[in-house]
Amino acid sequence: MNKTAANANEPVKVDIWSDVQCPWCYIGKRRFEAAIESSGIAVDIEYHSFELAPDTPVEYEGTPIQFLSERKGLPMPQVEEMLTRVTDIATSLGLHYDYEHIHQTNTVKAHELLHYAKAHGRQLEMKERLLEAYFVKTEHVGRIEDLADIAASIGFDRDDVVRVLESSEYLPAVKADVDLAMQYGIQGVPFFVIDGKYGVSGAQESESFANVLSQVLTERDA
């Protein structure tokens, strides 16, 4: 992850690997945003694709609890406890997860949509909208038609989104992100690469993120 540090006056570059259906990614996003606000440090954020379960069918028939139970080999009551914990933490941050109605699905098309939005300079807005769609509004984020509706809701050309997703125009960009994650040894998300050299794994408390950002500036000034 080593690369030349940016000029001291430039924003801190932050690369974030995450998945649209990762509950800790939304929590981590809020905590990192709080760190930015509290520290007053300028950042340049870029999101990168990471598929937690690329083998998931678009039309998964079960519930998220059933999915996690099957995938992790855990009894459903234990999974329910895990989701209650993460839901409570999300609620404390103003995020109201609705696991009773969430559509477990494949997220590759959602990642393609994020790359499309990045090409139009609106990746951060799209990331927030997709996380909200999945966890809070319980919209389907695996199907092209639904993703086109979500994109249109924030002003994108719906027909163009359908065209891009049907052609898989941004699939190579998704795969490139996944490959880079493998090169970095990233095995879980969220994962933050700060200023090209600090790797921060997980949805850390905002104070921890703020400390890393401050450390970057301290090293720039040294």
Protein backbone atom coordinates (compact mmCIF):
# COMPACT_ATOMS: atom_id res chain seq x y z
CA MET A 1 0.00 0.00 0.00
CA ASN A 2 3.02 2.29 0.07
CA LYS A 3 2.99 5.24 -2.26
CA THR A 4 4.21 8.79 -2.12
CA ALA A 5 2.24 10.90 0.35
CA ALA A 6 0.24 13.72 -1.14
CA ASN A 7 1.14 17.34 -0.72
CA ALA A 8 0.36 18.60 2.78
CA ASN A 9 -2.32 20.94 1.43
CA GLU A 10 -4.19 18.27 -0.48
CA PRO A 11 -7.13 16.33 0.94
CA VAL A 12 -6.34 12.95 2.47
CA LYS A 13 -7.17 10.24 -0.07
CA VAL A 14 -9.34 7.52 1.43
CA ASP A 15 -10.10 4.34 -0.52
CA ILE A 16 -12.91 2.28 0.98
CA TRP A 17 -13.75 -1.30 0.04
CA SER A 18 -17.29 -2.26 0.95
CA ASP A 19 -20.40 -4.10 -0.14
CA VAL A 20 -23.91 -2.72 -0.48
CA GLN A 21 -25.35 -5.46 1.73
CA CYS A 22 -22.71 -5.22 4.47
CA PRO A 23 -24.33 -3.89 7.67
CA TRP A 24 -21.00 -2.86 9.17
CA CYS A 25 -20.16 -0.92 6.01
CA TYR A 26 -23.07 1.47 6.58
CA ILE A 27 -22.13 1.78 10.26
CA GLY A 28 -18.49 2.36 9.30
CA LYS A 29 -19.57 4.99 6.79
CA ARG A 30 -21.43 6.96 9.46
CA ARG A 31 -18.57 6.65 11.96
CA PHE A 32 -16.04 7.78 9.38
CA GLU A 33 -18.24 10.73 8.43
CA ALA A 34 -18.37 11.68 12.12
CA ALA A 35 -14.56 11.51 12.24
CA ILE A 36 -14.30 13.86 9.26
CA GLU A 37 -16.70 16.31 10.88
CA SER A 38 -15.01 16.24 14.29
CA SER A 39 -11.48 16.51 12.92
CA GLY A 40 -12.20 19.07 10.23
CA ILE A 41 -9.75 17.27 7.97
CA ALA A 42 -10.45 17.40 4.24
CA VAL A 43 -10.71 14.00 2.57
CA ASP A 44 -11.17 12.64 -0.93
CA ILE A 45 -13.19 9.42 -0.70
CA GLU A 46 -13.37 6.75 -3.37
CA TYR A 47 -15.39 3.56 -2.92
CA HIS A 48 -14.25 0.22 -4.28
CA SER A 49 -16.20 -2.95 -4.93
CA PHE A 50 -16.07 -5.99 -2.67
CA GLU A 51 -18.59 -8.82 -2.98
CA LEU A 52 -19.17 -10.61 0.30
CA ALA A 53 -21.16 -13.38 -1.37
CA PRO A 54 -20.67 -13.32 -5.17
CA ASP A 55 -22.33 -16.73 -5.51
CA THR A 56 -25.66 -15.47 -4.13
CA PRO A 57 -28.52 -15.73 -6.63
CA VAL A 58 -30.25 -12.48 -7.56
CA GLU A 59 -33.55 -13.97 -6.47
CA TYR A 60 -32.49 -15.61 -3.20
CA GLU A 61 -35.66 -17.13 -1.78
CA GLY A 62 -34.85 -17.06 1.93
CA THR A 63 -34.40 -14.37 4.55
CA PRO A 64 -31.10 -12.72 5.52
CA ILE A 65 -31.20 -14.77 8.73
CA GLN A 66 -31.52 -18.01 6.78
CA PHE A 67 -28.77 -16.91 4.40
CA LEU A 68 -26.30 -16.10 7.17
CA SER A 69 -27.18 -19.27 9.03
CA GLU A 70 -26.47 -21.36 5.93
CA ARG A 71 -23.34 -19.44 4.97
CA LYS A 72 -21.73 -19.25 8.39
CA GLY A 73 -22.96 -22.61 9.64
CA LEU A 74 -24.56 -21.01 12.68
CA PRO A 75 -27.93 -21.79 14.31
CA MET A 76 -30.59 -19.26 13.41
CA PRO A 77 -31.09 -18.02 17.01
CA GLN A 78 -27.41 -17.08 17.13
CA VAL A 79 -27.70 -15.24 13.83
CA GLU A 80 -30.77 -13.41 15.14
CA GLU A 81 -28.75 -12.27 18.15
CA MET A 82 -25.96 -11.05 15.87
CA LEU A 83 -28.40 -9.08 13.73
CA THR A 84 -30.12 -7.60 16.79
CA ARG A 85 -26.75 -6.34 18.00
CA VAL A 86 -25.80 -4.79 14.68
CA THR A 87 -29.28 -3.31 14.27
CA ASP A 88 -29.06 -1.69 17.71
CA ILE A 89 -25.68 -0.16 16.85
CA ALA A 90 -27.06 1.10 13.54
CA THR A 91 -30.06 2.62 15.33
CA SER A 92 -27.73 4.51 17.67
CA LEU A 93 -26.29 6.16 14.54
CA GLY A 94 -29.68 7.06 13.09
CA LEU A 95 -29.83 4.08 10.71
CA HIS A 96 -32.99 2.02 10.99
CA TYR A 97 -32.29 -1.42 9.53
CA ASP A 98 -35.37 -3.44 8.58
CA TYR A 99 -34.10 -7.03 8.47
CA GLU A 100 -37.64 -8.42 8.40
CA HIS A 101 -38.10 -7.12 4.86
CA ILE A 102 -34.57 -6.96 3.40
CA HIS A 103 -34.03 -8.68 0.04
CA GLN A 104 -30.87 -10.79 0.19
CA THR A 105 -29.42 -10.77 -3.32
CA ASN A 106 -26.37 -10.65 -5.56
CA THR A 107 -24.75 -7.20 -5.54
CA VAL A 108 -22.59 -7.21 -8.66
CA LYS A 109 -24.99 -4.98 -10.61
CA ALA A 110 -25.16 -2.57 -7.68
CA HIS A 111 -21.37 -2.34 -7.82
CA GLU A 112 -21.52 -1.70 -11.56
CA LEU A 113 -23.99 1.11 -10.85
CA LEU A 114 -21.55 2.61 -8.33
CA HIS A 115 -18.85 2.70 -11.00
CA TYR A 116 -21.30 4.30 -13.41
CA ALA A 117 -22.09 6.95 -10.80
CA LYS A 118 -18.36 7.50 -10.20
CA ALA A 119 -17.90 8.16 -13.91
CA HIS A 120 -20.54 10.89 -13.52
CA GLY A 121 -18.92 12.36 -10.41
CA ARG A 122 -21.68 11.17 -8.05
CA GLN A 123 -20.36 7.98 -6.50
CA LEU A 124 -20.72 9.10 -2.87
CA GLU A 125 -24.35 10.06 -3.41
CA MET A 126 -25.08 6.74 -5.07
CA LYS A 127 -23.33 4.78 -2.31
CA GLU A 128 -25.51 6.38 0.34
CA ARG A 129 -28.65 5.80 -1.72
CA LEU A 130 -27.88 2.11 -2.29
CA LEU A 131 -27.13 1.45 1.37
CA GLU A 132 -30.35 3.19 2.32
CA ALA A 133 -32.19 1.22 -0.36
CA TYR A 134 -30.99 -2.11 0.97
CA PHE A 135 -31.09 -1.66 4.73
CA VAL A 136 -33.71 0.99 5.37
CA LYS A 137 -36.11 1.10 2.43
CA THR A 138 -35.70 -2.65 1.71
CA GLU A 139 -35.63 -2.09 -2.04
CA HIS A 140 -34.20 -4.79 -4.30
CA VAL A 141 -30.59 -3.94 -5.20
CA GLY A 142 -29.87 -6.98 -7.36
CA ARG A 143 -32.20 -6.49 -10.32
CA ILE A 144 -31.47 -4.10 -13.14
CA GLU A 145 -34.97 -2.61 -13.28
CA ASP A 146 -34.98 -1.90 -9.55
CA LEU A 147 -31.49 -0.40 -9.66
CA ALA A 148 -32.57 1.81 -12.53
CA ASP A 149 -35.50 3.05 -10.42
CA ILE A 150 -33.14 3.76 -7.52
CA ALA A 151 -30.76 5.67 -9.80
CA ALA A 152 -33.64 7.62 -11.34
CA SER A 153 -34.82 8.61 -7.86
CA ILE A 154 -31.68 10.73 -7.48
CA GLY A 155 -31.77 12.18 -10.97
CA PHE A 156 -29.95 9.71 -13.22
CA ASP A 157 -31.25 8.87 -16.69
CA ARG A 158 -33.12 5.62 -16.12
CA ASP A 159 -32.83 4.34 -19.69
CA ASP A 160 -29.09 4.98 -19.70
CA VAL A 161 -28.68 3.09 -16.44
CA VAL A 162 -30.58 0.12 -17.88
CA ARG A 163 -28.40 0.20 -20.97
CA VAL A 164 -25.17 0.28 -18.97
CA LEU A 165 -26.18 -2.47 -16.56
CA GLU A 166 -27.52 -4.75 -19.30
CA SER A 167 -24.25 -4.39 -21.23
CA SER A 168 -22.11 -4.98 -18.11
CA GLU A 169 -20.02 -1.98 -19.20
CA TYR A 170 -18.56 -1.50 -15.74
CA LEU A 171 -18.10 -5.16 -14.80
CA PRO A 172 -14.33 -4.99 -15.60
CA ALA A 173 -14.03 -2.09 -13.14
CA VAL A 174 -15.78 -4.13 -10.45
CA LYS A 175 -13.44 -7.06 -11.07
CA ALA A 176 -10.41 -4.75 -10.95
CA ASP A 177 -11.49 -3.53 -7.50
CA VAL A 178 -11.93 -7.09 -6.27
CA ASP A 179 -8.53 -8.08 -7.66
CA LEU A 180 -6.87 -5.12 -5.94
CA ALA A 181 -8.51 -6.10 -2.66
CA MET A 182 -6.98 -9.55 -3.04
CA GLN A 183 -3.56 -8.00 -3.69
CA TYR A 184 -3.91 -5.94 -0.51
CA GLY A 185 -4.98 -9.04 1.43
CA ILE A 186 -8.40 -7.60 2.22
CA GLN A 187 -10.67 -10.40 3.45
CA GLY A 188 -13.51 -8.46 5.01
CA VAL A 189 -15.21 -5.10 4.74
CA PRO A 190 -15.39 -2.25 5.39
CA PHE A 191 -11.68 -1.72 4.78
CA PHE A 192 -10.18 1.75 4.63
CA VAL A 193 -6.87 2.60 2.97
CA ILE A 194 -5.90 6.06 4.17
CA ASP A 195 -3.35 8.18 2.31
CA GLY A 196 -2.22 5.07 0.47
CA LYS A 197 -0.40 3.58 3.45
CA TYR A 198 -2.64 3.05 6.48
CA GLY A 199 -5.04 0.13 6.37
CA VAL A 200 -7.95 0.27 8.81
CA SER A 201 -10.19 -2.78 9.00
CA GLY A 202 -13.77 -2.73 10.21
CA ALA A 203 -16.28 -0.15 11.41
CA GLN A 204 -13.99 1.44 13.99
CA GLU A 205 -15.20 4.11 16.39
CA SER A 206 -15.05 7.60 14.92
CA GLU A 207 -12.27 8.57 17.33
CA SER A 208 -10.02 5.89 15.86
CA PHE A 209 -10.61 7.15 12.34
CA ALA A 210 -9.96 10.73 13.45
CA ASN A 211 -6.69 9.67 15.06
CA VAL A 212 -5.46 8.07 11.84
CA LEU A 213 -6.41 11.15 9.81
CA SER A 214 -4.57 13.36 12.30
CA GLN A 215 -1.53 11.08 12.16
CA VAL A 216 -1.43 11.43 8.38
CA LEU A 217 -1.36 15.21 8.64
CA THR A 218 1.29 15.06 11.37
CA GLU A 219 3.52 12.96 9.14
CA ARG A 220 3.00 15.31 6.20
CA ASP A 221 4.18 18.25 8.32
CA ALA A 222 7.22 16.40 9.65
